[in-house]
Amino acid sequence: MHHCYDESIKESFSESRNRERIILDKSISLLSNARHCEQDNREIIESLSYTTRIWTVFIQDLISENNQLPEDLKLNLISIGLWIIEECARIRRNESNNYQGIIDLISLIRDGLR
């Protein structure tokens, strides 16, 4: 019985990581498409809003008492998430065009989930 529970937890963790990879893939795809658009295009707004929303949720999860990641990893991910959110805001305000920097960081995080 205990073995089945352990397998269920492993599966749940694996499924969760897979969902996170899919979410990050979508963000990367949206940002990749948006960086070639003219400012104030719907695709730009959608990509920046989506990316901001997912990183807000990730940060909320990271600060949760239930999050069991090592403390230093949580702090690093929170720092990265805050930078991504701020960089999205800078792009939205026409103060930056650093889509590639955001895409590169998200890609690194996604690849680390494997």
C-alpha atoms as a PDB file:
ATOM      1  CA  MET A   1       0.000   0.000   0.000  1.00  0.00           C
ATOM      2  CA  HIS A   2       2.770   2.426   0.927  1.00  0.00           C
ATOM      3  CA  HIS A   3       4.466   1.695  -2.420  1.00  0.00           C
ATOM      4  CA  CYS A   4       1.306   2.723  -4.326  1.00  0.00           C
ATOM      5  CA  TYR A   5       1.145   5.994  -2.395  1.00  0.00           C
ATOM      6  CA  ASP A   6       4.816   6.744  -3.176  1.00  0.00           C
ATOM      7  CA  GLU A   7       4.218   6.019  -6.866  1.00  0.00           C
ATOM      8  CA  SER A   8       1.174   8.290  -6.826  1.00  0.00           C
ATOM      9  CA  ILE A   9       3.207  11.135  -5.314  1.00  0.00           C
ATOM     10  CA  LYS A  10       5.984  10.663  -7.894  1.00  0.00           C
ATOM     11  CA  GLU A  11       3.418  10.657 -10.709  1.00  0.00           C
ATOM     12  CA  SER A  12       1.730  13.752  -9.343  1.00  0.00           C
ATOM     13  CA  PHE A  13       5.069  15.558  -9.086  1.00  0.00           C
ATOM     14  CA  SER A  14       5.996  14.503 -12.623  1.00  0.00           C
ATOM     15  CA  GLU A  15       2.616  15.612 -13.978  1.00  0.00           C
ATOM     16  CA  SER A  16       2.987  18.937 -12.200  1.00  0.00           C
ATOM     17  CA  ARG A  17       6.445  19.520 -13.731  1.00  0.00           C
ATOM     18  CA  ASN A  18       5.082  18.587 -17.153  1.00  0.00           C
ATOM     19  CA  ARG A  19       2.255  21.140 -16.791  1.00  0.00           C
ATOM     20  CA  GLU A  20       4.791  23.782 -15.781  1.00  0.00           C
ATOM     21  CA  ARG A  21       6.892  22.984 -18.873  1.00  0.00           C
ATOM     22  CA  ILE A  22       3.807  23.320 -21.095  1.00  0.00           C
ATOM     23  CA  ILE A  23       2.926  26.668 -19.494  1.00  0.00           C
ATOM     24  CA  LEU A  24       6.486  27.947 -19.962  1.00  0.00           C
ATOM     25  CA  ASP A  25       6.540  26.681 -23.560  1.00  0.00           C
ATOM     26  CA  LYS A  26       3.406  28.707 -24.268  1.00  0.00           C
ATOM     27  CA  SER A  27       4.984  31.817 -22.778  1.00  0.00           C
ATOM     28  CA  ILE A  28       8.117  31.331 -24.896  1.00  0.00           C
ATOM     29  CA  SER A  29       6.011  30.839 -28.029  1.00  0.00           C
ATOM     30  CA  LEU A  30       3.876  33.920 -27.359  1.00  0.00           C
ATOM     31  CA  LEU A  31       6.923  36.093 -26.653  1.00  0.00           C
ATOM     32  CA  SER A  32       8.761  34.771 -29.719  1.00  0.00           C
ATOM     33  CA  ASN A  33       5.837  35.686 -31.950  1.00  0.00           C
ATOM     34  CA  ALA A  34       5.244  39.053 -30.273  1.00  0.00           C
ATOM     35  CA  ARG A  35       8.802  40.332 -30.597  1.00  0.00           C
ATOM     36  CA  HIS A  36       8.317  40.669 -34.355  1.00  0.00           C
ATOM     37  CA  CYS A  37       5.117  42.721 -34.040  1.00  0.00           C
ATOM     38  CA  GLU A  38       4.673  46.463 -34.025  1.00  0.00           C
ATOM     39  CA  GLN A  39       4.185  48.073 -30.611  1.00  0.00           C
ATOM     40  CA  ASP A  40       0.683  47.884 -29.071  1.00  0.00           C
ATOM     41  CA  ASN A  41      -0.189  44.856 -31.158  1.00  0.00           C
ATOM     42  CA  ARG A  42      -2.637  42.441 -29.538  1.00  0.00           C
ATOM     43  CA  GLU A  43      -0.031  39.649 -29.640  1.00  0.00           C
ATOM     44  CA  ILE A  44       2.414  41.767 -27.644  1.00  0.00           C
ATOM     45  CA  ILE A  45      -0.172  42.584 -25.011  1.00  0.00           C
ATOM     46  CA  GLU A  46      -1.271  38.946 -24.795  1.00  0.00           C
ATOM     47  CA  SER A  47       2.284  37.621 -24.494  1.00  0.00           C
ATOM     48  CA  LEU A  48       3.299  40.113 -21.807  1.00  0.00           C
ATOM     49  CA  SER A  49       0.062  39.640 -19.845  1.00  0.00           C
ATOM     50  CA  TYR A  50       0.319  35.841 -19.987  1.00  0.00           C
ATOM     51  CA  THR A  51       3.966  35.850 -18.949  1.00  0.00           C
ATOM     52  CA  THR A  52       3.281  38.257 -16.082  1.00  0.00           C
ATOM     53  CA  ARG A  53       0.322  36.174 -14.885  1.00  0.00           C
ATOM     54  CA  ILE A  54       2.179  32.862 -14.864  1.00  0.00           C
ATOM     55  CA  TRP A  55       5.181  34.311 -13.030  1.00  0.00           C
ATOM     56  CA  THR A  56       2.874  35.926 -10.484  1.00  0.00           C
ATOM     57  CA  VAL A  57       1.338  32.492  -9.836  1.00  0.00           C
ATOM     58  CA  PHE A  58       4.768  30.818  -9.716  1.00  0.00           C
ATOM     59  CA  ILE A  59       5.987  33.379  -7.169  1.00  0.00           C
ATOM     60  CA  GLN A  60       2.866  32.890  -5.053  1.00  0.00           C
ATOM     61  CA  ASP A  61       3.549  29.153  -5.077  1.00  0.00           C
ATOM     62  CA  LEU A  62       7.219  29.688  -4.218  1.00  0.00           C
ATOM     63  CA  ILE A  63       6.396  31.786  -1.136  1.00  0.00           C
ATOM     64  CA  SER A  64       3.781  29.315   0.048  1.00  0.00           C
ATOM     65  CA  GLU A  65       4.604  27.425   3.241  1.00  0.00           C
ATOM     66  CA  ASN A  66       3.694  24.214   1.389  1.00  0.00           C
ATOM     67  CA  ASN A  67       6.438  24.678  -1.214  1.00  0.00           C
ATOM     68  CA  GLN A  68       9.159  22.159  -0.443  1.00  0.00           C
ATOM     69  CA  LEU A  69      11.901  23.389  -2.774  1.00  0.00           C
ATOM     70  CA  PRO A  70      15.208  24.280  -1.118  1.00  0.00           C
ATOM     71  CA  GLU A  71      15.178  27.831   0.240  1.00  0.00           C
ATOM     72  CA  ASP A  72      18.034  29.092  -1.955  1.00  0.00           C
ATOM     73  CA  LEU A  73      16.345  27.738  -5.099  1.00  0.00           C
ATOM     74  CA  LYS A  74      13.056  29.374  -4.121  1.00  0.00           C
ATOM     75  CA  LEU A  75      14.785  32.719  -3.573  1.00  0.00           C
ATOM     76  CA  ASN A  76      16.582  32.493  -6.925  1.00  0.00           C
ATOM     77  CA  LEU A  77      13.368  31.626  -8.765  1.00  0.00           C
ATOM     78  CA  ILE A  78      11.499  34.449  -7.033  1.00  0.00           C
ATOM     79  CA  SER A  79      14.251  36.878  -8.033  1.00  0.00           C
ATOM     80  CA  ILE A  80      14.135  35.663 -11.641  1.00  0.00           C
ATOM     81  CA  GLY A  81      10.338  35.880 -11.655  1.00  0.00           C
ATOM     82  CA  LEU A  82      10.364  39.442 -10.355  1.00  0.00           C
ATOM     83  CA  TRP A  83      12.897  40.423 -13.026  1.00  0.00           C
ATOM     84  CA  ILE A  84      10.745  38.842 -15.743  1.00  0.00           C
ATOM     85  CA  ILE A  85       7.631  40.652 -14.485  1.00  0.00           C
ATOM     86  CA  GLU A  86       9.503  43.969 -14.379  1.00  0.00           C
ATOM     87  CA  GLU A  87      11.023  43.431 -17.828  1.00  0.00           C
ATOM     88  CA  CYS A  88       7.530  42.703 -19.224  1.00  0.00           C
ATOM     89  CA  ALA A  89       6.342  45.981 -17.693  1.00  0.00           C
ATOM     90  CA  ARG A  90       9.309  47.831 -19.244  1.00  0.00           C
ATOM     91  CA  ILE A  91       8.493  46.377 -22.671  1.00  0.00           C
ATOM     92  CA  ARG A  92       4.861  47.386 -22.235  1.00  0.00           C
ATOM     93  CA  ARG A  93       6.008  50.960 -21.442  1.00  0.00           C
ATOM     94  CA  ASN A  94       8.325  50.998 -24.502  1.00  0.00           C
ATOM     95  CA  GLU A  95      11.384  51.225 -22.228  1.00  0.00           C
ATOM     96  CA  SER A  96      12.813  47.896 -23.372  1.00  0.00           C
ATOM     97  CA  ASN A  97      12.685  45.450 -26.226  1.00  0.00           C
ATOM     98  CA  ASN A  98      14.384  42.605 -24.349  1.00  0.00           C
ATOM     99  CA  TYR A  99      12.128  39.771 -25.425  1.00  0.00           C
ATOM    100  CA  GLN A 100      15.146  37.542 -25.990  1.00  0.00           C
ATOM    101  CA  GLY A 101      16.413  38.001 -22.429  1.00  0.00           C
ATOM    102  CA  ILE A 102      13.040  36.913 -21.064  1.00  0.00           C
ATOM    103  CA  ILE A 103      12.803  34.022 -23.521  1.00  0.00           C
ATOM    104  CA  ASP A 104      16.314  32.842 -22.618  1.00  0.00           C
ATOM    105  CA  LEU A 105      15.597  32.842 -18.879  1.00  0.00           C
ATOM    106  CA  ILE A 106      12.255  31.099 -19.253  1.00  0.00           C
ATOM    107  CA  SER A 107      13.909  28.509 -21.502  1.00  0.00           C
ATOM    108  CA  LEU A 108      16.558  27.816 -18.857  1.00  0.00           C
ATOM    109  CA  ILE A 109      13.899  27.387 -16.170  1.00  0.00           C
ATOM    110  CA  ARG A 110      11.822  25.137 -18.432  1.00  0.00           C
ATOM    111  CA  ASP A 111      14.819  22.990 -19.321  1.00  0.00           C
ATOM    112  CA  GLY A 112      15.636  22.622 -15.621  1.00  0.00           C
ATOM    113  CA  LEU A 113      12.228  21.030 -15.028  1.00  0.00           C
ATOM    114  CA  ARG A 114      13.169  17.893 -17.001  1.00  0.00           C
END
